[in-house]
């Protein structure tokens, strides 16, 4: 699994979440092979969204990031600025405590 972290400034967190959670949004992510995602809203700036995304391969990740579908989804969901993303990396260790 390879991951990338991207920060998006959005016009309205609720609008972005509504668009992100649609069946069409999930279908798009699935079609590009996204296996994992976690979206965070910053406590001091709720319209700054950070997304951790996981893909099986770096090629699948690169295809998704460069896709017209992603660009259109970001525009329609109110993304006003995309901060530089951290390049993809592989998991070294993962711990989850209940």
PDB file of N, CA and C in Angstrom:
ATOM      1  N   UNK A   1       0.861  -1.175   0.000  1.00  0.00           N
ATOM      2  CA  UNK A   1       0.000   0.000   0.000  1.00  0.00           C
ATOM      3  C   UNK A   1       0.902   1.231   0.000  1.00  0.00           C
ATOM      4  N   UNK A   2       0.555   2.194  -0.843  1.00  0.00           N
ATOM      5  CA  UNK A   2       1.248   3.485  -0.879  1.00  0.00           C
ATOM      6  C   UNK A   2       0.250   4.572  -0.488  1.00  0.00           C
ATOM      7  N   UNK A   3       0.766   5.590   0.178  1.00  0.00           N
ATOM      8  CA  UNK A   3      -0.082   6.653   0.711  1.00  0.00           C
ATOM      9  C   UNK A   3       0.403   8.015   0.254  1.00  0.00           C
ATOM     10  N   UNK A   4      -0.528   8.953   0.217  1.00  0.00           N
ATOM     11  CA  UNK A   4      -0.196  10.348   0.031  1.00  0.00           C
ATOM     12  C   UNK A   4      -1.047  11.171   0.994  1.00  0.00           C
ATOM     13  N   UNK A   5      -0.527  12.319   1.364  1.00  0.00           N
ATOM     14  CA  UNK A   5      -1.261  13.245   2.226  1.00  0.00           C
ATOM     15  C   UNK A   5      -1.414  14.552   1.456  1.00  0.00           C
ATOM     16  N   UNK A   6      -2.646  15.032   1.362  1.00  0.00           N
ATOM     17  CA  UNK A   6      -2.900  16.291   0.659  1.00  0.00           C
ATOM     18  C   UNK A   6      -3.789  17.179   1.511  1.00  0.00           C
ATOM     19  N   UNK A   7      -3.517  18.474   1.479  1.00  0.00           N
ATOM     20  CA  UNK A   7      -4.335  19.448   2.200  1.00  0.00           C
ATOM     21  C   UNK A   7      -5.113  20.272   1.186  1.00  0.00           C
ATOM     22  N   UNK A   8      -6.393  20.458   1.456  1.00  0.00           N
ATOM     23  CA  UNK A   8      -7.275  21.216   0.579  1.00  0.00           C
ATOM     24  C   UNK A   8      -7.930  22.334   1.386  1.00  0.00           C
ATOM     25  N   UNK A   9      -7.890  23.527   0.856  1.00  0.00           N
ATOM     26  CA  UNK A   9      -8.688  24.617   1.432  1.00  0.00           C
ATOM     27  C   UNK A   9     -10.016  24.597   0.692  1.00  0.00           C
ATOM     28  N   UNK A  10     -11.121  24.580   1.461  1.00  0.00           N
ATOM     29  CA  UNK A  10     -12.455  24.510   0.867  1.00  0.00           C
ATOM     30  C   UNK A  10     -13.260  25.743   1.257  1.00  0.00           C
ATOM     31  N   UNK A  11     -14.247  26.058   0.447  1.00  0.00           N
ATOM     32  CA  UNK A  11     -15.093  27.217   0.741  1.00  0.00           C
ATOM     33  C   UNK A  11     -16.035  26.938   1.905  1.00  0.00           C
ATOM     34  N   UNK A  12     -16.439  25.667   2.051  1.00  0.00           N
ATOM     35  CA  UNK A  12     -17.364  25.300   3.121  1.00  0.00           C
ATOM     36  C   UNK A  12     -17.197  23.816   3.422  1.00  0.00           C
ATOM     37  N   UNK A  13     -16.827  23.492   4.661  1.00  0.00           N
ATOM     38  CA  UNK A  13     -16.576  22.100   5.046  1.00  0.00           C
ATOM     39  C   UNK A  13     -17.797  21.219   4.816  1.00  0.00           C
ATOM     40  N   UNK A  14     -18.975  21.702   5.174  1.00  0.00           N
ATOM     41  CA  UNK A  14     -20.196  20.902   5.010  1.00  0.00           C
ATOM     42  C   UNK A  14     -20.458  20.582   3.543  1.00  0.00           C
ATOM     43  N   UNK A  15     -20.260  21.553   2.666  1.00  0.00           N
ATOM     44  CA  UNK A  15     -20.442  21.317   1.227  1.00  0.00           C
ATOM     45  C   UNK A  15     -19.445  20.290   0.735  1.00  0.00           C
ATOM     46  N   UNK A  16     -18.187  20.403   1.175  1.00  0.00           N
ATOM     47  CA  UNK A  16     -17.154  19.457   0.751  1.00  0.00           C
ATOM     48  C   UNK A  16     -17.498  18.049   1.223  1.00  0.00           C
ATOM     49  N   UNK A  17     -17.904  17.912   2.503  1.00  0.00           N
ATOM     50  CA  UNK A  17     -18.252  16.597   3.045  1.00  0.00           C
ATOM     51  C   UNK A  17     -19.427  15.982   2.304  1.00  0.00           C
ATOM     52  N   UNK A  18     -20.423  16.789   2.016  1.00  0.00           N
ATOM     53  CA  UNK A  18     -21.593  16.279   1.301  1.00  0.00           C
ATOM     54  C   UNK A  18     -21.195  15.721  -0.061  1.00  0.00           C
ATOM     55  N   UNK A  19     -20.326  16.419  -0.769  1.00  0.00           N
ATOM     56  CA  UNK A  19     -19.866  15.953  -2.081  1.00  0.00           C
ATOM     57  C   UNK A  19     -18.977  14.720  -1.945  1.00  0.00           C
ATOM     58  N   UNK A  20     -18.105  14.716  -0.947  1.00  0.00           N
ATOM     59  CA  UNK A  20     -17.170  13.604  -0.755  1.00  0.00           C
ATOM     60  C   UNK A  20     -17.903  12.315  -0.434  1.00  0.00           C
ATOM     61  N   UNK A  21     -18.991  12.406   0.315  1.00  0.00           N
ATOM     62  CA  UNK A  21     -19.694  11.218   0.790  1.00  0.00           C
ATOM     63  C   UNK A  21     -20.763  10.688  -0.156  1.00  0.00           C
ATOM     64  N   UNK A  22     -20.915  11.263  -1.332  1.00  0.00           N
ATOM     65  CA  UNK A  22     -21.924  10.767  -2.267  1.00  0.00           C
ATOM     66  C   UNK A  22     -21.523   9.405  -2.830  1.00  0.00           C
ATOM     67  N   UNK A  23     -22.498   8.612  -3.274  1.00  0.00           N
ATOM     68  CA  UNK A  23     -22.168   7.353  -3.943  1.00  0.00           C
ATOM     69  C   UNK A  23     -21.282   7.568  -5.176  1.00  0.00           C
ATOM     70  N   UNK A  24     -21.491   8.683  -5.867  1.00  0.00           N
ATOM     71  CA  UNK A  24     -20.664   8.976  -7.044  1.00  0.00           C
ATOM     72  C   UNK A  24     -19.210   9.222  -6.638  1.00  0.00           C
ATOM     73  N   UNK A  25     -19.016   9.922  -5.524  1.00  0.00           N
ATOM     74  CA  UNK A  25     -17.659  10.155  -5.033  1.00  0.00           C
ATOM     75  C   UNK A  25     -16.973   8.853  -4.660  1.00  0.00           C
ATOM     76  N   UNK A  26     -17.705   7.975  -3.961  1.00  0.00           N
ATOM     77  CA  UNK A  26     -17.137   6.678  -3.589  1.00  0.00           C
ATOM     78  C   UNK A  26     -16.839   5.843  -4.822  1.00  0.00           C
ATOM     79  N   UNK A  27     -17.740   5.870  -5.793  1.00  0.00           N
ATOM     80  CA  UNK A  27     -17.542   5.116  -7.033  1.00  0.00           C
ATOM     81  C   UNK A  27     -16.295   5.600  -7.768  1.00  0.00           C
ATOM     82  N   UNK A  28     -16.092   6.926  -7.808  1.00  0.00           N
ATOM     83  CA  UNK A  28     -14.905   7.464  -8.468  1.00  0.00           C
ATOM     84  C   UNK A  28     -13.642   6.991  -7.760  1.00  0.00           C
ATOM     85  N   UNK A  29     -13.624   7.099  -6.423  1.00  0.00           N
ATOM     86  CA  UNK A  29     -12.441   6.654  -5.675  1.00  0.00           C
ATOM     87  C   UNK A  29     -12.187   5.171  -5.903  1.00  0.00           C
ATOM     88  N   UNK A  30     -13.243   4.365  -5.885  1.00  0.00           N
ATOM     89  CA  UNK A  30     -13.104   2.926  -6.132  1.00  0.00           C
ATOM     90  C   UNK A  30     -12.554   2.646  -7.530  1.00  0.00           C
ATOM     91  N   UNK A  31     -13.043   3.393  -8.525  1.00  0.00           N
ATOM     92  CA  UNK A  31     -12.625   3.134  -9.905  1.00  0.00           C
ATOM     93  C   UNK A  31     -11.135   3.403 -10.127  1.00  0.00           C
ATOM     94  N   UNK A  32     -10.558   4.254  -9.306  1.00  0.00           N
ATOM     95  CA  UNK A  32      -9.119   4.535  -9.413  1.00  0.00           C
ATOM     96  C   UNK A  32      -8.296   3.690  -8.441  1.00  0.00           C
ATOM     97  N   UNK A  33      -8.958   2.825  -7.690  1.00  0.00           N
ATOM     98  CA  UNK A  33      -8.229   1.903  -6.829  1.00  0.00           C
ATOM     99  C   UNK A  33      -7.870   2.433  -5.460  1.00  0.00           C
ATOM    100  N   UNK A  34      -8.566   3.474  -4.994  1.00  0.00           N
ATOM    101  CA  UNK A  34      -8.294   3.956  -3.644  1.00  0.00           C
ATOM    102  C   UNK A  34      -8.801   2.907  -2.656  1.00  0.00           C
ATOM    103  N   UNK A  35      -7.914   2.442  -1.795  1.00  0.00           N
ATOM    104  CA  UNK A  35      -8.252   1.394  -0.839  1.00  0.00           C
ATOM    105  C   UNK A  35      -8.515   1.926   0.566  1.00  0.00           C
ATOM    106  N   UNK A  36      -7.987   3.094   0.853  1.00  0.00           N
ATOM    107  CA  UNK A  36      -8.098   3.649   2.197  1.00  0.00           C
ATOM    108  C   UNK A  36      -8.114   5.165   2.085  1.00  0.00           C
ATOM    109  N   UNK A  37      -8.894   5.801   2.948  1.00  0.00           N
ATOM    110  CA  UNK A  37      -8.797   7.260   3.067  1.00  0.00           C
ATOM    111  C   UNK A  37      -9.223   7.673   4.457  1.00  0.00           C
ATOM    112  N   UNK A  38      -8.674   8.761   4.877  1.00  0.00           N
ATOM    113  CA  UNK A  38      -9.062   9.390   6.127  1.00  0.00           C
ATOM    114  C   UNK A  38      -9.028  10.882   5.884  1.00  0.00           C
ATOM    115  N   UNK A  39     -10.122  11.564   6.177  1.00  0.00           N
ATOM    116  CA  UNK A  39     -10.210  13.010   5.998  1.00  0.00           C
ATOM    117  C   UNK A  39     -10.261  13.677   7.369  1.00  0.00           C
ATOM    118  N   UNK A  40      -9.462  14.715   7.531  1.00  0.00           N
ATOM    119  CA  UNK A  40      -9.385  15.455   8.792  1.00  0.00           C
ATOM    120  C   UNK A  40      -9.702  16.916   8.533  1.00  0.00           C
ATOM    121  N   UNK A  41     -10.412  17.528   9.448  1.00  0.00           N
ATOM    122  CA  UNK A  41     -10.662  18.967   9.414  1.00  0.00           C
ATOM    123  C   UNK A  41      -9.837  19.569  10.549  1.00  0.00           C
ATOM    124  N   UNK A  42      -9.097  20.594  10.245  1.00  0.00           N
ATOM    125  CA  UNK A  42      -8.228  21.194  11.245  1.00  0.00           C
ATOM    126  C   UNK A  42      -9.048  21.912  12.319  1.00  0.00           C
ATOM    127  N   UNK A  43      -8.688  21.699  13.590  1.00  0.00           N
ATOM    128  CA  UNK A  43      -9.447  22.259  14.713  1.00  0.00           C
ATOM    129  C   UNK A  43      -9.487  23.785  14.676  1.00  0.00           C
ATOM    130  N   UNK A  44      -8.382  24.406  14.284  1.00  0.00           N
ATOM    131  CA  UNK A  44      -8.332  25.873  14.275  1.00  0.00           C
ATOM    132  C   UNK A  44      -8.737  26.481  12.935  1.00  0.00           C
ATOM    133  N   UNK A  45      -9.018  25.623  11.945  1.00  0.00           N
ATOM    134  CA  UNK A  45      -9.417  26.093  10.615  1.00  0.00           C
ATOM    135  C   UNK A  45     -10.246  24.997   9.952  1.00  0.00           C
ATOM    136  N   UNK A  46     -11.558  24.913  10.234  1.00  0.00           N
ATOM    137  CA  UNK A  46     -12.369  23.805   9.741  1.00  0.00           C
ATOM    138  C   UNK A  46     -12.481  23.715   8.222  1.00  0.00           C
ATOM    139  N   UNK A  47     -12.130  24.774   7.517  1.00  0.00           N
ATOM    140  CA  UNK A  47     -12.161  24.719   6.052  1.00  0.00           C
ATOM    141  C   UNK A  47     -10.828  24.308   5.450  1.00  0.00           C
ATOM    142  N   UNK A  48      -9.913  23.837   6.289  1.00  0.00           N
ATOM    143  CA  UNK A  48      -8.675  23.229   5.810  1.00  0.00           C
ATOM    144  C   UNK A  48      -8.801  21.730   6.056  1.00  0.00           C
ATOM    145  N   UNK A  49      -8.907  20.982   4.982  1.00  0.00           N
ATOM    146  CA  UNK A  49      -9.129  19.546   5.030  1.00  0.00           C
ATOM    147  C   UNK A  49      -7.831  18.845   4.637  1.00  0.00           C
ATOM    148  N   UNK A  50      -7.432  17.860   5.428  1.00  0.00           N
ATOM    149  CA  UNK A  50      -6.251  17.050   5.121  1.00  0.00           C
ATOM    150  C   UNK A  50      -6.741  15.635   4.852  1.00  0.00           C
ATOM    151  N   UNK A  51      -6.314  15.066   3.717  1.00  0.00           N
ATOM    152  CA  UNK A  51      -6.769  13.737   3.319  1.00  0.00           C
ATOM    153  C   UNK A  51      -5.563  12.814   3.181  1.00  0.00           C
ATOM    154  N   UNK A  52      -5.623  11.693   3.887  1.00  0.00           N
ATOM    155  CA  UNK A  52      -4.655  10.607   3.745  1.00  0.00           C
ATOM    156  C   UNK A  52      -5.314   9.566   2.853  1.00  0.00           C
ATOM    157  N   UNK A  53      -4.680   9.237   1.738  1.00  0.00           N
ATOM    158  CA  UNK A  53      -5.244   8.286   0.779  1.00  0.00           C
ATOM    159  C   UNK A  53      -4.270   7.146   0.550  1.00  0.00           C
ATOM    160  N   UNK A  54      -4.801   5.922   0.466  1.00  0.00           N
ATOM    161  CA  UNK A  54      -3.977   4.749   0.219  1.00  0.00           C
ATOM    162  C   UNK A  54      -4.402   4.011  -1.046  1.00  0.00           C
ATOM    163  N   UNK A  55      -3.400   3.584  -1.805  1.00  0.00           N
ATOM    164  CA  UNK A  55      -3.605   2.850  -3.059  1.00  0.00           C
ATOM    165  C   UNK A  55      -2.695   1.628  -3.072  1.00  0.00           C
ATOM    166  N   UNK A  56      -3.054   0.625  -3.877  1.00  0.00           N
ATOM    167  CA  UNK A  56      -2.205  -0.568  -3.976  1.00  0.00           C
ATOM    168  C   UNK A  56      -0.848  -0.259  -4.598  1.00  0.00           C
ATOM    169  N   UNK A  57      -0.835   0.661  -5.574  1.00  0.00           N
ATOM    170  CA  UNK A  57       0.418   0.950  -6.285  1.00  0.00           C
ATOM    171  C   UNK A  57       0.614   2.452  -6.455  1.00  0.00           C
ATOM    172  N   UNK A  58       1.870   2.837  -6.641  1.00  0.00           N
ATOM    173  CA  UNK A  58       2.188   4.236  -6.916  1.00  0.00           C
ATOM    174  C   UNK A  58       1.588   4.673  -8.248  1.00  0.00           C
ATOM    175  N   UNK A  59       1.495   3.752  -9.197  1.00  0.00           N
ATOM    176  CA  UNK A  59       0.919   4.080 -10.505  1.00  0.00           C
ATOM    177  C   UNK A  59      -0.566   4.422 -10.382  1.00  0.00           C
ATOM    178  N   UNK A  60      -1.294   3.657  -9.575  1.00  0.00           N
ATOM    179  CA  UNK A  60      -2.725   3.947  -9.369  1.00  0.00           C
ATOM    180  C   UNK A  60      -2.900   5.303  -8.704  1.00  0.00           C
ATOM    181  N   UNK A  61      -2.060   5.599  -7.734  1.00  0.00           N
ATOM    182  CA  UNK A  61      -2.098   6.895  -7.061  1.00  0.00           C
ATOM    183  C   UNK A  61      -1.831   8.023  -8.041  1.00  0.00           C
ATOM    184  N   UNK A  62      -0.802   7.881  -8.858  1.00  0.00           N
ATOM    185  CA  UNK A  62      -0.447   8.924  -9.825  1.00  0.00           C
ATOM    186  C   UNK A  62      -1.572   9.144 -10.835  1.00  0.00           C
ATOM    187  N   UNK A  63      -2.199   8.070 -11.284  1.00  0.00           N
ATOM    188  CA  UNK A  63      -3.302   8.182 -12.240  1.00  0.00           C
ATOM    189  C   UNK A  63      -4.463   8.946 -11.623  1.00  0.00           C
ATOM    190  N   UNK A  64      -4.781   8.647 -10.369  1.00  0.00           N
ATOM    191  CA  UNK A  64      -5.869   9.334  -9.680  1.00  0.00           C
ATOM    192  C   UNK A  64      -5.576  10.818  -9.527  1.00  0.00           C
ATOM    193  N   UNK A  65      -4.396  11.145  -9.047  1.00  0.00           N
ATOM    194  CA  UNK A  65      -4.032  12.538  -8.781  1.00  0.00           C
ATOM    195  C   UNK A  65      -4.070  13.379 -10.056  1.00  0.00           C
ATOM    196  N   UNK A  66      -3.737  12.782 -11.201  1.00  0.00           N
ATOM    197  CA  UNK A  66      -3.689  13.511 -12.470  1.00  0.00           C
ATOM    198  C   UNK A  66      -5.011  13.480 -13.239  1.00  0.00           C
ATOM    199  N   UNK A  67      -6.030  12.821 -12.695  1.00  0.00           N
ATOM    200  CA  UNK A  67      -7.260  12.589 -13.452  1.00  0.00           C
ATOM    201  C   UNK A  67      -8.144  13.831 -13.556  1.00  0.00           C
ATOM    202  N   UNK A  68      -8.837  13.910 -14.677  1.00  0.00           N
ATOM    203  CA  UNK A  68      -9.831  14.970 -14.873  1.00  0.00           C
ATOM    204  C   UNK A  68     -10.994  14.800 -13.899  1.00  0.00           C
ATOM    205  N   UNK A  69     -11.329  13.542 -13.572  1.00  0.00           N
ATOM    206  CA  UNK A  69     -12.429  13.282 -12.646  1.00  0.00           C
ATOM    207  C   UNK A  69     -12.146  13.890 -11.275  1.00  0.00           C
ATOM    208  N   UNK A  70     -10.916  13.760 -10.794  1.00  0.00           N
ATOM    209  CA  UNK A  70     -10.564  14.352  -9.510  1.00  0.00           C
ATOM    210  C   UNK A  70     -10.623  15.869  -9.584  1.00  0.00           C
ATOM    211  N   UNK A  71     -10.107  16.426 -10.652  1.00  0.00           N
ATOM    212  CA  UNK A  71     -10.134  17.884 -10.814  1.00  0.00           C
ATOM    213  C   UNK A  71     -11.569  18.398 -10.797  1.00  0.00           C
ATOM    214  N   UNK A  72     -12.459  17.732 -11.536  1.00  0.00           N
ATOM    215  CA  UNK A  72     -13.863  18.147 -11.580  1.00  0.00           C
ATOM    216  C   UNK A  72     -14.530  17.993 -10.220  1.00  0.00           C
ATOM    217  N   UNK A  73     -14.246  16.889  -9.531  1.00  0.00           N
ATOM    218  CA  UNK A  73     -14.839  16.669  -8.207  1.00  0.00           C
ATOM    219  C   UNK A  73     -14.380  17.724  -7.219  1.00  0.00           C
ATOM    220  N   UNK A  74     -13.119  18.093  -7.285  1.00  0.00           N
ATOM    221  CA  UNK A  74     -12.592  19.106  -6.374  1.00  0.00           C
ATOM    222  C   UNK A  74     -13.234  20.465  -6.649  1.00  0.00           C
ATOM    223  N   UNK A  75     -13.364  20.810  -7.905  1.00  0.00           N
ATOM    224  CA  UNK A  75     -13.991  22.094  -8.254  1.00  0.00           C
ATOM    225  C   UNK A  75     -15.442  22.148  -7.804  1.00  0.00           C
ATOM    226  N   UNK A  76     -16.195  21.067  -8.048  1.00  0.00           N
ATOM    227  CA  UNK A  76     -17.625  21.081  -7.708  1.00  0.00           C
ATOM    228  C   UNK A  76     -17.873  20.986  -6.207  1.00  0.00           C
ATOM    229  N   UNK A  77     -16.901  20.478  -5.446  1.00  0.00           N
ATOM    230  CA  UNK A  77     -17.082  20.353  -3.994  1.00  0.00           C
ATOM    231  C   UNK A  77     -16.616  21.583  -3.232  1.00  0.00           C
ATOM    232  N   UNK A  78     -16.093  22.575  -3.940  1.00  0.00           N
ATOM    233  CA  UNK A  78     -15.714  23.821  -3.292  1.00  0.00           C
ATOM    234  C   UNK A  78     -14.261  23.928  -2.871  1.00  0.00           C
ATOM    235  N   UNK A  79     -13.396  23.070  -3.428  1.00  0.00           N
ATOM    236  CA  UNK A  79     -11.960  23.206  -3.136  1.00  0.00           C
ATOM    237  C   UNK A  79     -11.481  24.488  -3.792  1.00  0.00           C
ATOM    238  N   UNK A  80     -10.915  25.376  -2.997  1.00  0.00           N
ATOM    239  CA  UNK A  80     -10.439  26.655  -3.520  1.00  0.00           C
ATOM    240  C   UNK A  80      -8.931  26.687  -3.680  1.00  0.00           C
ATOM    241  N   UNK A  81      -8.241  25.809  -2.961  1.00  0.00           N
ATOM    242  CA  UNK A  81      -6.781  25.762  -3.053  1.00  0.00           C
ATOM    243  C   UNK A  81      -6.316  24.393  -2.600  1.00  0.00           C
ATOM    244  N   UNK A  82      -5.378  23.831  -3.336  1.00  0.00           N
ATOM    245  CA  UNK A  82      -4.774  22.571  -2.921  1.00  0.00           C
ATOM    246  C   UNK A  82      -3.342  22.856  -2.516  1.00  0.00           C
ATOM    247  N   UNK A  83      -3.031  22.567  -1.262  1.00  0.00           N
ATOM    248  CA  UNK A  83      -1.679  22.762  -0.756  1.00  0.00           C
ATOM    249  C   UNK A  83      -0.773  21.688  -1.358  1.00  0.00           C
ATOM    250  N   UNK A  84       0.514  21.921  -1.377  1.00  0.00           N
ATOM    251  CA  UNK A  84       1.424  20.869  -1.857  1.00  0.00           C
ATOM    252  C   UNK A  84       1.212  19.585  -1.060  1.00  0.00           C
ATOM    253  N   UNK A  85       1.227  18.467  -1.761  1.00  0.00           N
ATOM    254  CA  UNK A  85       1.008  17.195  -1.086  1.00  0.00           C
ATOM    255  C   UNK A  85       2.337  16.518  -0.792  1.00  0.00           C
ATOM    256  N   UNK A  86       2.304  15.637   0.182  1.00  0.00           N
ATOM    257  CA  UNK A  86       3.479  14.845   0.508  1.00  0.00           C
ATOM    258  C   UNK A  86       3.516  13.676  -0.465  1.00  0.00           C
ATOM    259  N   UNK A  87       4.648  13.433  -1.093  1.00  0.00           N
ATOM    260  CA  UNK A  87       4.713  12.340  -2.071  1.00  0.00           C
ATOM    261  C   UNK A  87       4.377  11.001  -1.426  1.00  0.00           C
ATOM    262  N   UNK A  88       4.073  10.043  -2.280  1.00  0.00           N
ATOM    263  CA  UNK A  88       3.636   8.750  -1.777  1.00  0.00           C
ATOM    264  C   UNK A  88       4.753   8.026  -1.031  1.00  0.00           C
ATOM    265  N   UNK A  89       4.330   7.251  -0.065  1.00  0.00           N
ATOM    266  CA  UNK A  89       5.256   6.427   0.709  1.00  0.00           C
ATOM    267  C   UNK A  89       4.575   5.140   1.100  1.00  0.00           C
ATOM    268  N   UNK A  90       5.379   4.146   1.488  1.00  0.00           N
ATOM    269  CA  UNK A  90       4.852   2.861   1.920  1.00  0.00           C
ATOM    270  C   UNK A  90       4.779   2.802   3.436  1.00  0.00           C
ATOM    271  N   UNK A  91       3.869   2.013   3.931  1.00  0.00           N
ATOM    272  CA  UNK A  91       3.707   1.853   5.377  1.00  0.00           C
ATOM    273  C   UNK A  91       4.922   1.158   5.969  1.00  0.00           C
ATOM    274  N   UNK A  92       5.462   1.754   7.021  1.00  0.00           N
ATOM    275  CA  UNK A  92       6.545   1.108   7.776  1.00  0.00           C
ATOM    276  C   UNK A  92       5.985   0.364   8.982  1.00  0.00           C
ATOM    277  N   UNK A  93       5.052   0.990   9.656  1.00  0.00           N
ATOM    278  CA  UNK A  93       4.412   0.379  10.817  1.00  0.00           C
ATOM    279  C   UNK A  93       3.034   1.021  10.986  1.00  0.00           C
ATOM    280  N   UNK A  94       2.097   0.234  11.446  1.00  0.00           N
ATOM    281  CA  UNK A  94       0.750   0.748  11.682  1.00  0.00           C
ATOM    282  C   UNK A  94       0.258   0.179  13.002  1.00  0.00           C
ATOM    283  N   UNK A  95      -0.180   1.036  13.888  1.00  0.00           N
ATOM    284  CA  UNK A  95      -0.686   0.631  15.195  1.00  0.00           C
ATOM    285  C   UNK A  95      -2.047   1.257  15.387  1.00  0.00           C
ATOM    286  N   UNK A  96      -2.998   0.472  15.807  1.00  0.00           N
ATOM    287  CA  UNK A  96      -4.325   0.997  16.083  1.00  0.00           C
ATOM    288  C   UNK A  96      -4.740   0.487  17.446  1.00  0.00           C
ATOM    289  N   UNK A  97      -4.968   1.400  18.363  1.00  0.00           N
ATOM    290  CA  UNK A  97      -5.419   1.057  19.705  1.00  0.00           C
ATOM    291  C   UNK A  97      -6.903   1.328  19.821  1.00  0.00           C
ATOM    292  N   UNK A  98      -7.604   0.430  20.457  1.00  0.00           N
ATOM    293  CA  UNK A  98      -9.050   0.621  20.647  1.00  0.00           C
ATOM    294  C   UNK A  98      -9.341   1.448  21.861  1.00  0.00           C
TER     295      UNK A  98
END
